[in-house]
């Protein structure tokens, strides 16, 4: 990955407390996994920034290298990579995601 793309990705992550790199948009997720994570975030009333990786092939490929995670969605909270759909859903079910969302929301 070139440095310009790395900086662009880092800038997106740094500019928002909660970022979801996903297929589609908040209002129109284009895969079931992205839809499930959007649903979880909406249930938690999270104010999150969504990035549609389908709209930018360079970003989509770069994110896989940046996070060392091959699939989407990818959730970042306060600059930290949380994981994909399975991890986010598991954390939600176990009550581990809520405190992260609350803390990020209070800091904004």
C-alpha atoms as a PDB file:
ATOM      1  CA  UNK A   1       0.000   0.000   0.000  1.00  0.00           C
ATOM      2  CA  UNK A   2       1.307   3.437  -0.838  1.00  0.00           C
ATOM      3  CA  UNK A   3       1.830   6.050   1.860  1.00  0.00           C
ATOM      4  CA  UNK A   4      -0.842   8.385   0.463  1.00  0.00           C
ATOM      5  CA  UNK A   5      -3.518   5.699   0.832  1.00  0.00           C
ATOM      6  CA  UNK A   6      -2.275   4.753   4.304  1.00  0.00           C
ATOM      7  CA  UNK A   7      -2.519   8.401   5.382  1.00  0.00           C
ATOM      8  CA  UNK A   8      -5.988   8.719   3.845  1.00  0.00           C
ATOM      9  CA  UNK A   9      -7.241   5.703   5.791  1.00  0.00           C
ATOM     10  CA  UNK A  10      -5.626   6.921   9.017  1.00  0.00           C
ATOM     11  CA  UNK A  11      -7.177  10.345   8.509  1.00  0.00           C
ATOM     12  CA  UNK A  12     -10.676   8.818   8.209  1.00  0.00           C
ATOM     13  CA  UNK A  13     -10.129   6.798  11.387  1.00  0.00           C
ATOM     14  CA  UNK A  14      -8.688   9.791  13.270  1.00  0.00           C
ATOM     15  CA  UNK A  15     -11.539  12.092  12.187  1.00  0.00           C
ATOM     16  CA  UNK A  16     -14.332  10.017  13.722  1.00  0.00           C
ATOM     17  CA  UNK A  17     -14.750   8.313  17.099  1.00  0.00           C
ATOM     18  CA  UNK A  18     -16.574   5.358  15.497  1.00  0.00           C
ATOM     19  CA  UNK A  19     -15.957   4.307  11.894  1.00  0.00           C
ATOM     20  CA  UNK A  20     -17.493   1.397  10.026  1.00  0.00           C
ATOM     21  CA  UNK A  21     -15.874   0.405   6.747  1.00  0.00           C
ATOM     22  CA  UNK A  22     -18.691  -1.501   5.090  1.00  0.00           C
ATOM     23  CA  UNK A  23     -20.270  -2.665   1.865  1.00  0.00           C
ATOM     24  CA  UNK A  24     -22.970  -0.127   1.108  1.00  0.00           C
ATOM     25  CA  UNK A  25     -24.236   2.707   3.272  1.00  0.00           C
ATOM     26  CA  UNK A  26     -25.920   3.037   6.675  1.00  0.00           C
ATOM     27  CA  UNK A  27     -29.298   3.286   4.981  1.00  0.00           C
ATOM     28  CA  UNK A  28     -28.607   0.676   2.309  1.00  0.00           C
ATOM     29  CA  UNK A  29     -26.108  -1.983   3.412  1.00  0.00           C
ATOM     30  CA  UNK A  30     -25.179  -4.192   0.478  1.00  0.00           C
ATOM     31  CA  UNK A  31     -24.286  -7.358   2.345  1.00  0.00           C
ATOM     32  CA  UNK A  32     -25.823  -9.187   5.264  1.00  0.00           C
ATOM     33  CA  UNK A  33     -22.748  -8.854   7.471  1.00  0.00           C
ATOM     34  CA  UNK A  34     -22.628  -5.074   7.044  1.00  0.00           C
ATOM     35  CA  UNK A  35     -26.379  -4.912   7.721  1.00  0.00           C
ATOM     36  CA  UNK A  36     -25.970  -6.850  10.981  1.00  0.00           C
ATOM     37  CA  UNK A  37     -23.247  -4.505  12.271  1.00  0.00           C
ATOM     38  CA  UNK A  38     -25.269  -1.417  11.290  1.00  0.00           C
ATOM     39  CA  UNK A  39     -28.221  -2.924  13.186  1.00  0.00           C
ATOM     40  CA  UNK A  40     -26.074  -3.479  16.300  1.00  0.00           C
ATOM     41  CA  UNK A  41     -24.684   0.067  16.159  1.00  0.00           C
ATOM     42  CA  UNK A  42     -28.177   1.482  15.678  1.00  0.00           C
ATOM     43  CA  UNK A  43     -29.463  -0.500  18.669  1.00  0.00           C
ATOM     44  CA  UNK A  44     -26.701   1.100  20.734  1.00  0.00           C
ATOM     45  CA  UNK A  45     -27.597   4.528  19.321  1.00  0.00           C
ATOM     46  CA  UNK A  46     -23.999   4.900  18.158  1.00  0.00           C
ATOM     47  CA  UNK A  47     -23.141   8.004  16.172  1.00  0.00           C
ATOM     48  CA  UNK A  48     -20.882   6.392  13.594  1.00  0.00           C
ATOM     49  CA  UNK A  49     -19.306   7.311  10.298  1.00  0.00           C
ATOM     50  CA  UNK A  50     -19.826   4.759   7.535  1.00  0.00           C
ATOM     51  CA  UNK A  51     -17.440   4.354   4.598  1.00  0.00           C
ATOM     52  CA  UNK A  52     -18.715   2.462   1.555  1.00  0.00           C
ATOM     53  CA  UNK A  53     -15.769   0.362   0.367  1.00  0.00           C
ATOM     54  CA  UNK A  54     -17.689  -0.662  -2.758  1.00  0.00           C
ATOM     55  CA  UNK A  55     -17.431   2.915  -4.006  1.00  0.00           C
ATOM     56  CA  UNK A  56     -13.616   2.937  -3.916  1.00  0.00           C
ATOM     57  CA  UNK A  57     -11.704  -0.166  -5.013  1.00  0.00           C
ATOM     58  CA  UNK A  58      -8.333   1.253  -3.951  1.00  0.00           C
ATOM     59  CA  UNK A  59      -9.648   1.931  -0.452  1.00  0.00           C
ATOM     60  CA  UNK A  60     -11.277  -1.501  -0.298  1.00  0.00           C
ATOM     61  CA  UNK A  61      -7.999  -3.273  -1.088  1.00  0.00           C
ATOM     62  CA  UNK A  62      -5.981  -0.927   1.103  1.00  0.00           C
ATOM     63  CA  UNK A  63      -8.206  -1.536   4.135  1.00  0.00           C
ATOM     64  CA  UNK A  64      -7.499  -5.266   3.975  1.00  0.00           C
ATOM     65  CA  UNK A  65      -3.775  -4.554   4.286  1.00  0.00           C
ATOM     66  CA  UNK A  66      -4.170  -1.681   6.758  1.00  0.00           C
ATOM     67  CA  UNK A  67      -6.152  -3.749   9.250  1.00  0.00           C
ATOM     68  CA  UNK A  68      -4.692  -7.116   8.309  1.00  0.00           C
ATOM     69  CA  UNK A  69      -8.321  -8.272   8.051  1.00  0.00           C
ATOM     70  CA  UNK A  70      -9.558  -9.702   4.735  1.00  0.00           C
ATOM     71  CA  UNK A  71     -13.300  -9.067   4.969  1.00  0.00           C
ATOM     72  CA  UNK A  72     -15.877  -6.337   5.551  1.00  0.00           C
ATOM     73  CA  UNK A  73     -17.325  -4.776   7.569  1.00  0.00           C
ATOM     74  CA  UNK A  74     -14.502  -3.498   9.748  1.00  0.00           C
ATOM     75  CA  UNK A  75     -15.300  -1.480  12.866  1.00  0.00           C
ATOM     76  CA  UNK A  76     -12.946   1.034  14.467  1.00  0.00           C
ATOM     77  CA  UNK A  77     -13.676   2.716  17.797  1.00  0.00           C
ATOM     78  CA  UNK A  78     -11.411   5.532  19.001  1.00  0.00           C
ATOM     79  CA  UNK A  79      -8.798   4.578  16.420  1.00  0.00           C
ATOM     80  CA  UNK A  80      -8.699   0.919  17.467  1.00  0.00           C
ATOM     81  CA  UNK A  81      -9.671  -1.905  15.143  1.00  0.00           C
ATOM     82  CA  UNK A  82     -12.429  -3.897  16.852  1.00  0.00           C
ATOM     83  CA  UNK A  83     -13.150  -6.542  14.222  1.00  0.00           C
ATOM     84  CA  UNK A  84     -15.671  -7.771  11.711  1.00  0.00           C
ATOM     85  CA  UNK A  85     -19.277  -8.876  11.971  1.00  0.00           C
ATOM     86  CA  UNK A  86     -18.793 -12.003  14.096  1.00  0.00           C
ATOM     87  CA  UNK A  87     -16.567 -10.250  16.637  1.00  0.00           C
ATOM     88  CA  UNK A  88     -18.806  -7.173  16.856  1.00  0.00           C
ATOM     89  CA  UNK A  89     -21.946  -9.288  17.290  1.00  0.00           C
ATOM     90  CA  UNK A  90     -20.284 -11.477  19.908  1.00  0.00           C
ATOM     91  CA  UNK A  91     -19.037  -8.434  21.830  1.00  0.00           C
ATOM     92  CA  UNK A  92     -22.548  -6.943  21.668  1.00  0.00           C
ATOM     93  CA  UNK A  93     -24.161 -10.148  22.962  1.00  0.00           C
ATOM     94  CA  UNK A  94     -21.653 -10.362  25.819  1.00  0.00           C
ATOM     95  CA  UNK A  95     -22.077  -6.706  26.773  1.00  0.00           C
ATOM     96  CA  UNK A  96     -18.503  -5.782  25.841  1.00  0.00           C
ATOM     97  CA  UNK A  97     -19.338  -3.405  22.985  1.00  0.00           C
ATOM     98  CA  UNK A  98     -21.675  -1.069  24.851  1.00  0.00           C
ATOM     99  CA  UNK A  99     -19.005   0.456  27.147  1.00  0.00           C
ATOM    100  CA  UNK A 100     -16.737   1.141  24.158  1.00  0.00           C
ATOM    101  CA  UNK A 101     -19.547   2.905  22.315  1.00  0.00           C
ATOM    102  CA  UNK A 102     -20.583   4.877  25.406  1.00  0.00           C
ATOM    103  CA  UNK A 103     -17.028   6.008  26.071  1.00  0.00           C
ATOM    104  CA  UNK A 104     -16.485   7.077  22.451  1.00  0.00           C
ATOM    105  CA  UNK A 105     -19.806   8.918  22.477  1.00  0.00           C
ATOM    106  CA  UNK A 106     -18.978  10.783  25.688  1.00  0.00           C
ATOM    107  CA  UNK A 107     -15.621  11.865  24.295  1.00  0.00           C
ATOM    108  CA  UNK A 108     -17.102  13.393  21.159  1.00  0.00           C
END
